Amino acid sequence: ACRYLSRFDIVGFDTENVAFLDGSGANSSKAAIGQACGDDQFCFLFLFYKWSSCYRSFASFASGATPHKVANQISHDVSALKARFPEISRRSGALELGGAVELR
């Protein structure tokens, strides 16, 4: 998945903090899942809550300056990823959408 996504200039991504591990759907400060898409052919769902640690390929992809990662309220996504995987560093290449997206 990371090799595929790394081919693109821009990757859209999002994280969710709710995991239904025990049926409660309790919210957490750690990212439970993440999704990323580089085109309309494939979208990848990462089940972070099942990972015992961060895979090197994902850490490299998430920390890299390219491809640019685009998300709505990206600071929340970055914080949730870093809470789950402290080894991920934030570098340039993240673009904030500012809460409003207009599709044409």
Protein backbone atom coordinates (compact mmCIF):
# COMPACT_ATOMS: atom_id res chain seq x y z
CA ALA A 1 0.00 0.00 0.00
CA CYS A 2 2.74 2.47 0.96
CA ARG A 3 4.75 1.73 -2.17
CA TYR A 4 1.65 2.30 -4.31
CA LEU A 5 0.73 5.56 -2.54
CA SER A 6 4.30 6.86 -2.77
CA ARG A 7 3.96 7.08 -6.57
CA PHE A 8 1.61 10.05 -6.31
CA ASP A 9 2.30 13.76 -5.86
CA ILE A 10 -0.69 14.13 -3.52
CA VAL A 11 -2.40 11.61 -1.23
CA GLY A 12 -5.64 12.29 0.60
CA PHE A 13 -5.86 10.76 4.05
CA ASP A 14 -7.91 10.71 7.22
CA THR A 15 -7.75 9.02 10.60
CA GLU A 16 -10.49 7.91 12.95
CA ASN A 17 -10.05 7.53 16.69
CA VAL A 18 -13.00 5.28 17.46
CA ALA A 19 -12.29 1.56 17.51
CA PHE A 20 -14.87 -1.02 18.42
CA LEU A 21 -12.38 -3.28 20.16
CA ASP A 22 -14.68 -4.13 23.04
CA GLY A 23 -18.01 -3.20 21.47
CA SER A 24 -18.12 0.19 23.20
CA GLY A 25 -16.79 2.30 20.35
CA ALA A 26 -14.88 4.38 22.88
CA ASN A 27 -13.04 7.40 21.55
CA SER A 28 -9.28 7.55 22.01
CA SER A 29 -6.49 10.07 21.47
CA LYS A 30 -4.75 7.44 19.32
CA ALA A 31 -5.61 6.81 15.69
CA ALA A 32 -7.55 3.55 15.45
CA ILE A 33 -7.77 3.39 11.66
CA GLY A 34 -6.54 5.42 8.74
CA GLN A 35 -7.47 5.61 5.10
CA ALA A 36 -5.42 6.95 2.21
CA CYS A 37 -6.07 7.37 -1.51
CA GLY A 38 -3.89 8.57 -4.34
CA ASP A 39 -6.36 8.02 -7.17
CA ASP A 40 -9.82 6.63 -7.85
CA GLN A 41 -8.52 3.09 -8.39
CA PHE A 42 -7.52 2.13 -4.84
CA CYS A 43 -8.17 3.41 -1.35
CA PHE A 44 -6.31 1.76 1.50
CA LEU A 45 -7.66 1.19 5.01
CA PHE A 46 -5.02 0.81 7.71
CA LEU A 47 -6.18 -0.94 10.90
CA PHE A 48 -3.72 0.72 13.27
CA TYR A 49 -5.36 -0.69 16.38
CA LYS A 50 -4.29 -4.19 15.27
CA TRP A 51 -0.63 -3.25 14.75
CA SER A 52 1.71 -4.15 17.59
CA SER A 53 4.04 -1.40 16.34
CA CYS A 54 4.37 0.89 13.36
CA TYR A 55 5.60 -0.78 10.18
CA ARG A 56 8.76 0.82 8.84
CA SER A 57 7.17 1.29 5.40
CA PHE A 58 4.26 3.22 6.91
CA ALA A 59 6.49 5.34 9.17
CA SER A 60 8.62 6.28 6.17
CA PHE A 61 5.55 7.07 4.06
CA ALA A 62 3.82 9.10 6.80
CA SER A 63 6.97 11.03 7.76
CA GLY A 64 8.19 11.75 4.24
CA ALA A 65 7.89 15.16 2.64
CA THR A 66 6.49 13.50 -0.48
CA PRO A 67 3.93 12.67 -1.49
CA HIS A 68 2.04 15.66 -0.07
CA LYS A 69 -0.61 14.47 2.38
CA VAL A 70 -3.90 16.35 2.22
CA ALA A 71 -6.56 16.20 4.92
CA ASN A 72 -9.26 18.27 6.55
CA GLN A 73 -8.00 19.48 9.94
CA ILE A 74 -4.69 17.71 9.42
CA SER A 75 -3.34 18.68 12.84
CA HIS A 76 -5.87 16.30 14.42
CA ASP A 77 -4.76 13.46 12.14
CA VAL A 78 -1.08 14.08 12.81
CA SER A 79 -1.66 14.23 16.59
CA ALA A 80 -3.64 10.97 16.53
CA LEU A 81 -0.96 9.21 14.45
CA LYS A 82 1.85 10.44 16.69
CA ALA A 83 -0.10 9.36 19.81
CA ARG A 84 -0.32 5.82 18.40
CA PHE A 85 3.15 5.77 16.80
CA PRO A 86 5.60 8.21 18.45
CA GLU A 87 8.29 7.21 15.94
CA ILE A 88 6.43 9.06 13.18
CA SER A 89 7.84 12.52 12.69
CA ARG A 90 6.00 15.31 10.97
CA ARG A 91 7.84 16.94 8.12
CA SER A 92 6.71 19.36 5.47
CA GLY A 93 4.39 18.03 2.82
CA ALA A 94 1.14 18.14 4.78
CA LEU A 95 -1.59 20.40 3.43
CA GLU A 96 -4.52 21.67 5.51
CA LEU A 97 -7.87 22.00 3.78
CA GLY A 98 -9.22 24.35 6.43
CA GLY A 99 -12.59 22.74 6.97
CA ALA A 100 -14.16 23.63 3.61
CA VAL A 101 -13.88 21.64 0.42
CA GLU A 102 -15.71 22.42 -2.78
CA LEU A 103 -15.89 19.69 -5.40
CA ARG A 104 -16.55 20.68 -8.99
